[in-house]
N, C-alpha and C. Protein backbone atom coordinates (compact mmCIF):
# COMPACT_ATOMS: atom_id res chain seq x y z
N UNK A 1 20.04 4.14 -96.42
CA UNK A 1 20.65 4.74 -95.40
C UNK A 1 19.74 3.99 -94.11
N UNK A 2 20.66 3.33 -92.93
CA UNK A 2 19.66 2.58 -91.92
C UNK A 2 19.62 4.12 -90.92
N UNK A 3 18.13 3.49 -90.07
CA UNK A 3 17.43 4.29 -89.46
C UNK A 3 17.72 3.57 -88.26
N UNK A 4 18.59 2.45 -87.71
CA UNK A 4 18.47 1.82 -86.55
C UNK A 4 18.85 3.24 -85.26
N UNK A 5 18.76 3.05 -84.72
CA UNK A 5 19.50 4.22 -83.58
C UNK A 5 20.55 2.99 -82.81
N UNK A 6 21.69 3.61 -82.59
CA UNK A 6 22.64 2.98 -81.67
C UNK A 6 22.48 2.69 -80.86
N UNK A 7 23.14 1.89 -80.31
CA UNK A 7 23.08 0.93 -79.28
C UNK A 7 22.90 1.44 -77.93
N UNK A 8 23.61 2.59 -77.50
CA UNK A 8 23.30 3.45 -76.67
C UNK A 8 22.18 4.26 -76.26
N UNK A 9 21.42 4.36 -77.75
CA UNK A 9 20.48 5.09 -77.65
C UNK A 9 19.02 4.50 -77.14
N UNK A 10 19.26 2.93 -77.16
CA UNK A 10 17.69 2.21 -77.40
C UNK A 10 17.33 2.49 -75.72
N UNK A 11 15.72 2.53 -76.05
CA UNK A 11 14.74 2.99 -74.79
C UNK A 11 14.97 1.81 -74.39
N UNK A 12 14.79 1.82 -72.98
CA UNK A 12 14.67 1.11 -71.72
C UNK A 12 13.04 0.18 -71.89
N UNK A 13 13.24 -1.18 -71.99
CA UNK A 13 11.99 -2.03 -71.91
C UNK A 13 11.51 -2.29 -70.80
N UNK A 14 12.49 -2.50 -69.49
CA UNK A 14 12.13 -2.02 -68.31
C UNK A 14 10.95 -1.75 -67.56
N UNK A 15 9.91 -1.92 -66.91
CA UNK A 15 8.93 -0.92 -66.69
C UNK A 15 9.44 -0.77 -65.03
N UNK A 16 8.90 0.03 -64.61
CA UNK A 16 9.24 0.97 -63.09
C UNK A 16 8.78 -0.23 -62.11
N UNK A 17 9.48 0.10 -61.37
CA UNK A 17 8.44 -0.47 -59.73
C UNK A 17 7.08 -0.48 -59.66
N UNK A 18 6.49 -1.30 -58.62
CA UNK A 18 4.91 -0.47 -58.30
C UNK A 18 5.64 0.00 -57.20
N UNK A 19 4.56 0.71 -57.00
CA UNK A 19 4.40 1.51 -55.75
C UNK A 19 3.98 1.12 -54.56
N UNK A 20 5.01 0.71 -54.01
CA UNK A 20 4.70 0.06 -52.43
C UNK A 20 3.20 0.06 -51.52
N UNK A 21 2.78 -1.41 -51.16
CA UNK A 21 1.18 -1.42 -51.08
C UNK A 21 1.66 -1.20 -49.31
N UNK A 22 0.43 -0.63 -48.76
CA UNK A 22 0.63 -0.72 -46.93
C UNK A 22 1.04 -1.85 -46.42
N UNK A 23 0.67 -2.46 -47.48
CA UNK A 23 1.61 -4.12 -46.61
C UNK A 23 2.91 -4.33 -46.58
N UNK A 24 3.69 -3.99 -47.34
CA UNK A 24 4.78 -3.87 -47.70
C UNK A 24 5.47 -2.75 -47.25
N UNK A 25 4.84 -1.76 -46.93
CA UNK A 25 5.34 -0.55 -46.07
C UNK A 25 5.50 -0.93 -45.26
N UNK A 26 4.65 -1.51 -44.20
CA UNK A 26 4.32 -2.00 -42.67
C UNK A 26 5.96 -3.05 -42.94
N UNK A 27 5.59 -3.76 -43.44
CA UNK A 27 7.26 -5.36 -43.17
C UNK A 27 8.33 -4.27 -43.41
N UNK A 28 8.53 -4.00 -44.40
CA UNK A 28 9.34 -2.89 -44.83
C UNK A 28 10.21 -1.97 -43.02
N UNK A 29 9.13 -1.38 -43.13
CA UNK A 29 9.96 -0.17 -42.04
C UNK A 29 9.99 -1.07 -40.74
N UNK A 30 9.46 -1.96 -40.48
CA UNK A 30 9.27 -2.92 -39.38
C UNK A 30 10.78 -3.79 -39.47
N UNK A 31 10.86 -4.28 -40.73
CA UNK A 31 12.56 -4.77 -40.39
C UNK A 31 13.88 -3.88 -41.20
N UNK A 32 13.34 -2.89 -40.93
CA UNK A 32 14.68 -1.39 -40.85
C UNK A 32 14.34 -0.68 -39.82
N UNK A 33 13.30 -1.23 -38.61
CA UNK A 33 13.35 -0.76 -37.56
C UNK A 33 14.23 -2.11 -36.88
N UNK A 34 14.05 -3.03 -36.61
CA UNK A 34 14.89 -4.04 -36.38
C UNK A 34 16.23 -4.27 -36.64
N UNK A 35 16.96 -3.63 -37.78
CA UNK A 35 18.08 -3.42 -37.85
C UNK A 35 18.42 -2.63 -36.84
N UNK A 36 18.01 -1.09 -37.23
CA UNK A 36 17.98 0.18 -36.43
C UNK A 36 18.49 -0.38 -34.99
N UNK A 37 17.40 -1.04 -34.23
CA UNK A 37 17.38 -1.31 -32.95
C UNK A 37 19.28 -2.56 -32.76
N UNK A 38 19.55 -3.22 -33.54
CA UNK A 38 20.33 -4.14 -33.20
C UNK A 38 21.54 -2.98 -33.61
N UNK A 39 21.66 -2.39 -34.32
CA UNK A 39 22.85 -1.71 -34.38
C UNK A 39 22.48 -0.27 -33.48
N UNK A 40 22.10 -0.42 -32.86
CA UNK A 40 21.78 0.94 -31.90
C UNK A 40 21.72 2.56 -32.61
N UNK A 41 21.26 2.55 -33.78
CA UNK A 41 21.24 3.75 -34.27
C UNK A 41 20.24 4.85 -34.13
N UNK A 42 19.06 4.07 -33.61
CA UNK A 42 17.44 4.80 -33.49
C UNK A 42 17.78 4.99 -31.92
N UNK A 43 16.73 6.31 -31.35
CA UNK A 43 16.99 6.76 -29.97
C UNK A 43 16.36 6.07 -28.77
N UNK A 44 15.27 5.35 -29.59
CA UNK A 44 14.36 4.68 -28.71
C UNK A 44 14.67 3.75 -27.56
N UNK A 45 15.68 2.70 -28.56
CA UNK A 45 16.13 1.08 -27.37
C UNK A 45 17.25 2.11 -27.03
N UNK A 46 18.36 2.69 -26.83
CA UNK A 46 18.64 3.26 -26.10
C UNK A 46 17.73 3.71 -24.97
N UNK A 47 17.20 4.37 -24.74
CA UNK A 47 16.47 5.10 -23.94
C UNK A 47 15.57 3.86 -23.04
N UNK A 48 14.94 2.63 -23.61
CA UNK A 48 14.37 1.34 -23.01
C UNK A 48 15.40 1.08 -22.14
N UNK A 49 17.25 0.79 -22.60
CA UNK A 49 17.96 0.19 -21.74
C UNK A 49 18.02 1.14 -20.67
N UNK A 50 17.49 2.67 -20.77
CA UNK A 50 18.23 3.20 -19.88
C UNK A 50 17.35 2.74 -18.45
N UNK A 51 15.21 3.21 -19.13
CA UNK A 51 14.50 3.30 -18.35
C UNK A 51 14.73 1.47 -17.48
N UNK A 52 15.30 0.45 -17.99
CA UNK A 52 15.20 -0.76 -17.66
C UNK A 52 16.54 -0.62 -15.98
N UNK A 53 17.52 -0.25 -16.83
CA UNK A 53 18.35 0.40 -15.60
C UNK A 53 17.52 1.05 -14.72
N UNK A 54 17.23 1.96 -14.55
CA UNK A 54 16.76 2.89 -13.36
C UNK A 54 16.12 1.58 -12.37
N UNK A 55 14.87 0.70 -13.12
CA UNK A 55 14.07 -0.12 -12.51
C UNK A 55 14.97 -0.78 -11.81
N UNK A 56 16.02 -1.38 -12.67
CA UNK A 56 16.23 -1.90 -11.71
C UNK A 56 17.28 -1.68 -9.89
N UNK A 57 17.58 -0.81 -10.71
CA UNK A 57 18.17 -0.08 -9.34
C UNK A 57 17.57 -0.17 -7.62
N UNK A 58 18.16 -0.52 -6.92
CA UNK A 58 17.50 -0.87 -5.48
C UNK A 58 17.15 0.16 -4.94
N UNK A 59 15.71 0.25 -4.39
CA UNK A 59 15.28 1.73 -3.76
C UNK A 59 15.92 1.84 -2.48
N UNK A 60 15.97 2.92 -2.40
CA UNK A 60 16.75 3.70 -0.66
C UNK A 60 16.42 2.64 0.50
N UNK A 61 17.09 2.31 1.02
CA UNK A 61 16.32 1.41 2.83
C UNK A 61 17.11 1.88 3.96
N UNK A 62 16.81 1.49 4.80
CA UNK A 62 16.92 1.68 6.55
C UNK A 62 16.91 0.63 7.06
N UNK A 63 18.17 0.84 7.79
CA UNK A 63 17.46 -0.50 8.71
C UNK A 63 16.57 0.94 10.07
N UNK A 64 16.32 0.02 11.14
CA UNK A 64 15.19 0.36 11.71
C UNK A 64 15.14 -0.35 12.81
N UNK A 65 14.83 0.20 14.13
CA UNK A 65 14.44 -0.94 15.37
C UNK A 65 13.48 -0.65 16.16
N UNK A 66 12.77 -1.34 16.62
CA UNK A 66 11.41 -0.75 17.72
C UNK A 66 10.68 -1.97 17.96
N UNK A 67 10.33 -1.69 19.35
CA UNK A 67 9.89 -2.75 19.91
C UNK A 67 7.70 -3.25 19.53
N UNK A 68 7.53 -4.23 19.34
CA UNK A 68 6.31 -4.20 18.83
C UNK A 68 5.49 -5.42 19.54
N UNK A 69 4.33 -4.95 19.89
CA UNK A 69 3.86 -6.00 21.33
C UNK A 69 4.99 -7.01 22.34
N UNK A 70 5.97 -6.16 22.58
CA UNK A 70 7.11 -6.05 23.75
C UNK A 70 7.95 -7.29 23.36
N UNK A 71 7.88 -6.85 21.97
CA UNK A 71 9.22 -7.99 21.45
C UNK A 71 9.89 -7.13 20.45
N UNK A 72 11.62 -6.89 20.65
CA UNK A 72 11.67 -6.05 20.14
C UNK A 72 12.42 -6.48 18.18
N UNK A 73 12.56 -5.73 17.77
CA UNK A 73 12.57 -6.69 16.60
C UNK A 73 13.83 -5.60 15.74
N UNK A 74 14.60 -5.45 14.41
CA UNK A 74 15.58 -4.74 13.93
C UNK A 74 15.19 -5.28 12.13
N UNK A 75 14.66 -4.37 11.28
CA UNK A 75 14.24 -4.90 10.18
C UNK A 75 15.14 -4.01 9.23
N UNK A 76 15.91 -4.07 8.06
CA UNK A 76 15.90 -2.96 6.79
C UNK A 76 14.65 -3.46 5.83
N UNK A 77 14.24 -1.75 5.40
CA UNK A 77 13.49 -2.15 4.87
C UNK A 77 13.57 -0.68 4.03
N UNK A 78 12.88 -0.53 2.74
CA UNK A 78 12.63 0.55 2.00
C UNK A 78 11.93 1.44 2.82
N UNK A 79 12.58 2.85 2.23
CA UNK A 79 12.46 3.91 2.97
C UNK A 79 10.55 4.15 3.07
N UNK A 80 10.13 3.70 2.04
CA UNK A 80 8.65 4.34 2.19
C UNK A 80 7.51 3.04 2.01
N UNK A 81 8.28 2.40 3.26
CA UNK A 81 7.10 1.25 3.72
C UNK A 81 6.81 2.30 4.83
N UNK A 82 5.53 1.43 4.50
CA UNK A 82 4.46 2.38 6.35
C UNK A 82 4.89 1.29 7.51
N UNK A 83 4.02 1.84 8.14
CA UNK A 83 3.76 1.13 9.57
C UNK A 83 3.33 -0.36 9.22
N UNK A 84 2.02 -0.19 8.70
CA UNK A 84 1.12 -1.09 8.10
C UNK A 84 1.33 -2.05 7.76
N UNK A 85 2.56 -1.91 6.38
CA UNK A 85 3.22 -2.67 5.31
C UNK A 85 4.13 -3.06 6.51
N UNK A 86 4.86 -2.87 7.43
CA UNK A 86 5.72 -3.49 8.49
C UNK A 86 5.38 -4.47 9.36
N UNK A 87 4.07 -4.15 9.52
CA UNK A 87 3.53 -4.95 10.10
C UNK A 87 2.91 -6.28 9.65
N UNK A 88 1.87 -6.30 8.29
CA UNK A 88 1.38 -7.79 7.68
C UNK A 88 2.30 -8.41 6.98
N UNK A 89 3.55 -7.60 6.18
CA UNK A 89 4.56 -7.81 5.48
C UNK A 89 5.66 -8.90 6.11
N UNK A 90 5.81 -7.70 6.81
CA UNK A 90 7.62 -8.54 6.97
C UNK A 90 7.10 -8.97 9.16
N UNK A 91 6.53 -8.36 9.52
CA UNK A 91 6.34 -9.44 10.82
C UNK A 91 5.38 -10.12 10.77
N UNK A 92 4.04 -10.41 9.75
CA UNK A 92 3.01 -11.54 9.72
C UNK A 92 2.34 -10.79 10.98
N UNK A 93 2.20 -9.67 11.17
CA UNK A 93 0.75 -9.08 12.26
C UNK A 93 -0.04 -8.36 11.32
N UNK A 94 -1.17 -9.79 10.91
CA UNK A 94 -2.34 -9.13 10.08
C UNK A 94 -3.25 -8.91 10.71
N UNK A 95 -3.64 -8.46 11.60
CA UNK A 95 -4.99 -8.04 12.53
C UNK A 95 -5.40 -6.64 12.33
N UNK A 96 -4.01 -6.01 12.18
CA UNK A 96 -3.84 -4.80 11.58
C UNK A 96 -4.69 -4.80 10.43
N UNK A 97 -5.92 -4.06 9.58
CA UNK A 97 -6.24 -4.08 8.53
C UNK A 97 -6.51 -2.88 7.70
N UNK A 98 -5.83 -3.33 6.08
CA UNK A 98 -5.48 -2.25 5.13
C UNK A 98 -6.74 -1.92 4.43
N UNK A 99 -7.34 -1.00 5.16
CA UNK A 99 -9.01 -0.65 4.64
C UNK A 99 -9.13 1.03 3.07
N UNK A 100 -8.83 1.85 3.92
CA UNK A 100 -8.35 2.74 2.42
C UNK A 100 -7.61 3.14 2.49
N UNK A 101 -6.59 3.12 3.07
CA UNK A 101 -4.70 2.76 2.63
C UNK A 101 -4.59 4.37 2.79
N UNK A 102 -5.66 5.18 3.16
CA UNK A 102 -5.50 6.84 3.04
C UNK A 102 -5.67 7.74 4.52
N UNK A 103 -5.79 6.69 5.94
CA UNK A 103 -6.28 7.47 6.97
C UNK A 103 -7.83 7.76 7.27
N UNK A 104 -8.69 7.33 6.48
CA UNK A 104 -9.84 7.71 6.60
C UNK A 104 -10.63 6.85 7.24
N UNK A 105 -10.37 5.50 7.24
CA UNK A 105 -11.53 4.55 8.12
C UNK A 105 -10.93 4.18 9.46
N UNK A 106 -9.89 4.09 9.73
CA UNK A 106 -9.59 3.79 11.45
C UNK A 106 -9.16 2.19 10.99
N UNK A 107 -9.16 1.14 10.01
CA UNK A 107 -8.91 -0.03 10.34
C UNK A 107 -8.11 -0.21 10.75
N UNK A 108 -6.79 0.20 10.47
CA UNK A 108 -5.59 0.12 10.95
C UNK A 108 -4.94 1.11 11.86
N UNK A 109 -5.70 1.27 12.20
CA UNK A 109 -5.54 2.05 13.98
C UNK A 109 -4.71 1.18 15.16
N UNK A 110 -3.07 1.86 15.27
CA UNK A 110 -2.00 1.22 16.56
C UNK A 110 -1.91 2.32 17.53
N UNK A 111 -1.54 1.59 18.21
CA UNK A 111 -0.60 2.72 19.69
C UNK A 111 0.84 2.39 19.28
N UNK A 112 0.95 3.73 19.14
CA UNK A 112 2.84 4.28 19.15
C UNK A 112 3.14 4.75 20.08
N UNK A 113 3.65 4.13 21.17
CA UNK A 113 4.25 4.72 22.35
C UNK A 113 2.81 5.48 23.18
N UNK A 114 1.98 4.75 23.10
CA UNK A 114 0.41 5.03 23.80
C UNK A 114 -0.40 5.71 23.16
N UNK A 115 -0.38 5.99 21.68
CA UNK A 115 -1.36 7.02 20.86
C UNK A 115 -1.50 6.70 19.87
N UNK A 116 -2.81 6.93 19.42
CA UNK A 116 -3.39 6.39 18.64
C UNK A 116 -2.85 6.86 17.13
N UNK A 117 -2.56 6.28 16.59
CA UNK A 117 -2.26 6.43 14.77
C UNK A 117 -2.63 5.39 14.04
N UNK A 118 -2.86 6.24 12.75
CA UNK A 118 -3.40 5.36 11.76
C UNK A 118 -2.09 4.51 11.12
N UNK A 119 -1.70 3.79 10.66
CA UNK A 119 -0.45 2.85 10.76
C UNK A 119 -0.24 2.71 8.98
N UNK A 120 -1.09 3.17 8.23
CA UNK A 120 -1.26 3.20 6.98
C UNK A 120 -0.50 4.46 6.24
N UNK A 121 -0.85 6.01 6.99
CA UNK A 121 0.11 6.71 6.93
C UNK A 121 1.36 7.03 7.47
N UNK A 122 1.64 6.45 8.57
CA UNK A 122 2.79 6.52 9.85
C UNK A 122 3.97 5.78 8.61
N UNK A 123 4.99 6.46 8.43
CA UNK A 123 6.58 5.88 7.88
C UNK A 123 7.46 5.09 9.04
N UNK A 124 7.44 4.00 8.44
CA UNK A 124 8.54 2.82 9.30
C UNK A 124 9.36 3.33 9.55
N UNK A 125 10.03 4.00 9.11
CA UNK A 125 11.42 4.64 9.32
C UNK A 125 11.82 5.99 10.07
N UNK A 126 10.59 6.15 10.76
CA UNK A 126 10.28 6.88 11.74
C UNK A 126 10.10 7.07 13.01
N UNK A 127 9.92 5.38 13.20
CA UNK A 127 9.93 4.93 14.63
C UNK A 127 10.86 4.32 15.29
N UNK A 128 12.14 4.77 15.14
CA UNK A 128 13.23 4.50 15.38
C UNK A 128 12.89 4.16 16.93
N UNK A 129 13.49 2.81 17.88
CA UNK A 129 12.90 2.96 19.44
C UNK A 129 11.36 2.82 19.71
N UNK A 130 10.64 3.13 18.97
CA UNK A 130 9.04 3.28 19.78
C UNK A 130 8.74 2.20 19.72
N UNK A 131 7.36 2.01 20.72
CA UNK A 131 6.54 1.31 21.55
C UNK A 131 5.84 0.85 20.77
N UNK A 132 5.71 -0.06 20.29
CA UNK A 132 4.12 -0.33 19.24
C UNK A 132 3.24 -1.73 19.80
N UNK A 133 1.97 -0.76 20.19
CA UNK A 133 0.89 -2.02 20.36
C UNK A 133 -0.15 -2.18 19.37
N UNK A 134 -0.73 -3.19 18.79
CA UNK A 134 -1.45 -3.57 17.89
C UNK A 134 -2.89 -4.63 18.27
N UNK A 135 -3.57 -5.10 17.77
CA UNK A 135 -4.77 -5.83 18.24
C UNK A 135 -4.14 -6.91 19.23
N UNK A 136 -2.97 -7.74 18.76
CA UNK A 136 -2.39 -9.03 18.89
C UNK A 136 -1.63 -9.17 20.06
N UNK A 137 -1.08 -7.48 20.57
CA UNK A 137 -0.56 -7.36 21.96
C UNK A 137 -1.53 -6.92 23.16
N UNK A 138 -2.66 -6.40 22.53
CA UNK A 138 -4.11 -6.27 24.20
C UNK A 138 -4.18 -7.95 24.97
N UNK A 139 -4.36 -8.21 24.77
CA UNK A 139 -4.53 -9.85 25.58
C UNK A 139 -3.26 -10.02 26.05
N UNK A 140 -3.25 -10.61 27.15
CA UNK A 140 -2.28 -11.00 28.27
C UNK A 140 -2.40 -11.86 29.37
N UNK A 141 -1.37 -13.52 28.85
CA UNK A 141 -1.83 -14.18 29.60
C UNK A 141 -2.78 -15.45 29.07
N UNK A 142 -2.99 -15.28 27.93
CA UNK A 142 -4.17 -15.87 27.05
C UNK A 142 -5.75 -15.09 28.19
N UNK A 143 -5.54 -13.72 28.50
CA UNK A 143 -6.45 -13.46 29.34
C UNK A 143 -6.88 -12.40 28.09
N UNK A 144 -7.94 -12.04 27.87
CA UNK A 144 -8.87 -10.75 26.44
C UNK A 144 -8.86 -9.53 27.44
N UNK A 145 -8.38 -8.43 26.79
CA UNK A 145 -8.40 -6.96 26.89
C UNK A 145 -9.77 -7.03 27.64
N UNK A 146 -9.51 -5.81 28.83
CA UNK A 146 -11.43 -5.98 29.38
C UNK A 146 -12.04 -5.40 27.93
N UNK A 147 -11.52 -4.52 27.04
CA UNK A 147 -12.35 -3.86 25.84
C UNK A 147 -12.56 -4.39 24.82
N UNK A 148 -11.75 -6.13 24.63
CA UNK A 148 -11.89 -6.79 23.55
C UNK A 148 -12.98 -7.69 24.20
N UNK A 149 -13.15 -8.20 25.56
CA UNK A 149 -14.11 -9.11 26.16
C UNK A 149 -15.74 -8.08 26.30
N UNK A 150 -15.76 -6.89 26.00
CA UNK A 150 -17.04 -6.28 26.22
C UNK A 150 -17.13 -6.12 24.71
N UNK A 151 -16.38 -6.10 24.18
CA UNK A 151 -16.79 -6.07 22.59
C UNK A 151 -17.67 -7.30 22.30
N UNK A 152 -17.27 -8.23 22.81
CA UNK A 152 -17.84 -9.77 22.70
C UNK A 152 -19.56 -9.66 23.49
N UNK A 153 -19.65 -9.03 24.59
CA UNK A 153 -20.90 -9.33 25.56
C UNK A 153 -21.60 -8.45 24.22
N UNK A 154 -21.13 -6.77 24.29
CA UNK A 154 -21.78 -5.82 23.73
C UNK A 154 -22.14 -6.21 22.34
N UNK A 155 -21.75 -7.84 22.22
CA UNK A 155 -21.77 -8.13 20.19
C UNK A 155 -21.49 -6.67 19.85
N UNK A 156 -20.54 -5.94 19.65
CA UNK A 156 -20.36 -4.89 19.13
C UNK A 156 -19.42 -5.33 17.69
N UNK A 157 -20.37 -6.22 16.89
CA UNK A 157 -18.98 -6.38 15.54
C UNK A 157 -20.01 -7.41 14.84
N UNK A 158 -19.92 -7.08 13.24
CA UNK A 158 -20.83 -7.96 12.39
C UNK A 158 -19.72 -8.57 11.76
N UNK A 159 -19.15 -8.19 10.69
CA UNK A 159 -18.11 -8.23 9.78
C UNK A 159 -16.92 -8.66 10.10
N UNK A 160 -16.47 -7.94 11.20
CA UNK A 160 -15.31 -8.11 11.82
C UNK A 160 -14.63 -7.16 11.43
N UNK A 161 -14.40 -7.26 10.19
CA UNK A 161 -13.12 -6.40 9.54
C UNK A 161 -12.43 -4.95 10.26
N UNK A 162 -13.47 -3.84 10.67
CA UNK A 162 -12.63 -2.80 10.81
C UNK A 162 -12.90 -3.00 12.53
N UNK A 163 -12.98 -4.10 13.17
CA UNK A 163 -13.21 -4.75 14.78
C UNK A 163 -11.63 -4.47 15.17
N UNK A 164 -10.66 -4.75 14.84
CA UNK A 164 -9.21 -4.67 15.44
C UNK A 164 -9.17 -3.46 15.84
N UNK A 165 -9.01 -2.26 14.90
CA UNK A 165 -9.20 -0.57 14.65
C UNK A 165 -9.58 -0.25 15.53
N UNK A 166 -11.03 -0.45 15.79
CA UNK A 166 -11.98 -0.29 16.84
C UNK A 166 -11.54 -0.34 18.15
N UNK A 167 -11.16 -1.91 18.48
CA UNK A 167 -10.86 -1.54 19.50
C UNK A 167 -9.47 -1.02 20.19
N UNK A 168 -8.79 -1.30 18.98
CA UNK A 168 -7.10 -0.17 19.88
C UNK A 168 -7.51 1.16 20.10
N UNK A 169 -8.04 1.96 19.06
CA UNK A 169 -8.97 3.14 19.27
C UNK A 169 -9.42 3.07 20.29
N UNK A 170 -10.43 2.29 20.75
CA UNK A 170 -11.29 2.76 21.65
C UNK A 170 -10.15 2.14 23.19
N UNK A 171 -9.55 1.31 22.85
CA UNK A 171 -8.44 1.50 23.86
C UNK A 171 -7.40 2.88 24.35
N UNK A 172 -7.16 2.99 23.34
CA UNK A 172 -6.55 4.70 23.53
C UNK A 172 -7.53 5.67 23.64
N UNK A 173 -8.58 5.80 23.34
CA UNK A 173 -9.67 6.44 23.72
C UNK A 173 -9.96 6.57 25.66
N UNK A 174 -9.89 4.96 26.02
CA UNK A 174 -10.09 4.79 27.50
C UNK A 174 -8.55 5.62 28.00
N UNK A 175 -7.58 5.24 27.42
CA UNK A 175 -6.50 6.00 28.40
C UNK A 175 -6.25 7.47 27.77
N UNK A 176 -5.98 7.62 27.06
CA UNK A 176 -6.43 9.51 27.50
C UNK A 176 -7.70 9.88 27.84
N UNK A 177 -8.74 9.44 28.49
CA UNK A 177 -9.12 9.83 29.40
C UNK A 177 -10.87 10.67 28.52
N UNK A 178 -11.24 10.06 27.67
CA UNK A 178 -12.06 10.87 26.61
C UNK A 178 -13.37 9.66 26.41
N UNK A 179 -13.76 9.68 27.75
CA UNK A 179 -15.05 8.81 27.72
C UNK A 179 -16.10 9.01 29.30
N UNK A 180 -15.78 10.41 29.55
CA UNK A 180 -16.82 11.67 30.43
C UNK A 180 -18.42 10.84 29.79
N UNK A 181 -18.84 10.71 28.76
CA UNK A 181 -20.02 10.93 28.33
C UNK A 181 -20.47 9.69 27.20
N UNK A 182 -21.50 9.59 26.19
CA UNK A 182 -21.48 8.90 25.28
C UNK A 182 -21.05 9.87 24.06
N UNK A 183 -21.53 10.78 24.36
CA UNK A 183 -21.27 11.86 23.42
C UNK A 183 -20.03 11.78 22.71
N UNK A 184 -19.11 12.37 24.23
CA UNK A 184 -17.42 12.09 24.07
C UNK A 184 -16.77 11.22 23.37
N UNK A 185 -17.70 9.70 24.08
CA UNK A 185 -17.04 8.78 23.39
C UNK A 185 -17.05 8.84 21.79
N UNK A 186 -18.55 8.86 20.99
CA UNK A 186 -18.61 9.45 19.81
C UNK A 186 -17.52 10.08 19.12
N UNK A 187 -17.21 11.10 19.43
CA UNK A 187 -16.51 11.97 19.23
C UNK A 187 -15.12 11.71 19.05
N UNK A 188 -14.42 11.21 20.16
CA UNK A 188 -13.33 10.73 20.20
C UNK A 188 -13.25 9.17 19.31
N UNK A 189 -14.06 8.46 19.05
CA UNK A 189 -14.30 7.55 18.53
C UNK A 189 -14.35 7.26 16.53
N UNK A 190 -14.56 8.77 16.53
CA UNK A 190 -15.43 9.31 15.39
C UNK A 190 -14.45 9.02 14.14
N UNK A 191 -12.85 8.84 14.19
CA UNK A 191 -12.07 8.05 13.27
C UNK A 191 -12.45 6.79 12.73
N UNK A 192 -13.06 6.25 13.35
CA UNK A 192 -13.05 4.52 12.83
C UNK A 192 -14.11 4.58 12.48
N UNK A 193 -14.47 3.92 11.16
CA UNK A 193 -15.68 3.63 10.71
C UNK A 193 -16.26 2.22 10.28
N UNK A 194 -17.89 1.69 10.43
CA UNK A 194 -17.62 0.70 10.92
C UNK A 194 -19.32 0.09 9.21
N UNK A 195 -18.20 -0.23 8.82
CA UNK A 195 -19.66 -0.65 7.51
C UNK A 195 -21.38 -1.02 8.00
N UNK A 196 -20.83 -1.75 9.00
CA UNK A 196 -22.23 -2.64 9.47
C UNK A 196 -22.61 -1.62 10.28
N UNK A 197 -22.10 -0.80 10.52
CA UNK A 197 -23.30 0.56 11.73
C UNK A 197 -23.44 0.01 12.89
N UNK A 198 -21.98 -0.92 13.35
CA UNK A 198 -22.34 -1.20 15.02
C UNK A 198 -22.02 0.12 16.22
N UNK A 199 -22.14 1.38 15.62
CA UNK A 199 -21.46 2.66 16.40
C UNK A 199 -22.28 2.52 17.82
N UNK A 200 -23.75 2.08 17.73
CA UNK A 200 -24.28 1.98 19.24
C UNK A 200 -24.04 0.87 20.24
N UNK A 201 -23.30 -0.12 19.63
CA UNK A 201 -22.96 -1.12 20.50
C UNK A 201 -21.03 -0.91 20.60
N UNK A 202 -20.38 -0.20 19.86
CA UNK A 202 -19.21 -0.13 19.87
C UNK A 202 -18.96 0.90 21.34
N UNK A 203 -20.43 2.04 20.85
CA UNK A 203 -20.33 2.71 21.96
C UNK A 203 -20.22 2.57 23.22
N UNK A 204 -21.17 1.33 23.76
CA UNK A 204 -21.67 0.55 24.74
C UNK A 204 -20.27 0.14 25.40
N UNK A 205 -19.56 -0.36 24.30
CA UNK A 205 -18.68 -1.11 24.90
C UNK A 205 -17.38 -0.57 25.57
N UNK A 206 -17.68 0.17 24.71
CA UNK A 206 -16.05 1.87 25.00
C UNK A 206 -16.28 1.91 26.42
N UNK A 207 -17.59 2.21 27.22
CA UNK A 207 -18.43 2.83 28.14
C UNK A 207 -18.17 1.61 28.85
N UNK A 208 -18.69 0.31 28.34
CA UNK A 208 -18.14 -0.60 30.06
C UNK A 208 -16.80 -0.83 30.26
N UNK A 209 -15.82 -1.11 29.21
CA UNK A 209 -15.02 -1.38 29.44
C UNK A 209 -14.19 0.14 30.42
N UNK A 210 -14.83 1.13 30.19
CA UNK A 210 -14.51 2.85 30.90
C UNK A 210 -14.65 2.47 32.42
N UNK A 211 -15.61 2.14 32.20
CA UNK A 211 -16.54 2.02 33.84
C UNK A 211 -15.36 0.58 34.31
N UNK A 212 -15.45 -0.13 34.08
CA UNK A 212 -14.31 -1.06 34.73
C UNK A 212 -13.44 -0.99 35.09
N UNK A 213 -12.53 0.08 34.28
CA UNK A 213 -11.10 0.43 34.57
C UNK A 213 -11.06 1.67 35.82
N UNK A 214 -12.32 2.38 36.02
CA UNK A 214 -12.93 3.29 36.92
C UNK A 214 -13.00 2.32 37.71
N UNK A 215 -13.64 1.41 38.11
CA UNK A 215 -14.01 0.35 39.16
C UNK A 215 -12.69 -0.14 39.79
């Protein structure tokens, strides 16, 4: 009597595949991810495409006309543009300095309609029709403004970074009539910081220019 098993009942001699290693697992999932991205089956790539589309959108802009140092300018700018960036980046008036960019140091001080403002905190789109004066606009006909001359005579600067803001602020201080005493000058110039510590000489320069104006 034969003891051979039927063909269909023969046991397989093929060994089971080995468990995937960490390297093959990473390679496999990476490849699968690539197919999913190409096929658009995974949520990640479509979201990325949406983000790219949003990034490509043009930010809202506005047209604004204003007069800077006696010259009329009409520009179309991003609504988020500060007056400081308009002056420096669009009009190439780099005398106004970007110091703290938070309204604390006064290096960006300019006059808007005769009043001192921190241009880094002032939105340019809100200045339709305004008159802006920067450090470049103080000298007339090649002659320095009296306060510019006083800064030279009093040696009221060292590195010079804050000087443009100091002078413009000083002009505003004089026009506002806040020069009755050195203490008053110090109070009304306190928004302008000087890393070099030239405060005493700055105070003297403002006092000199104010006295000349009165005379």
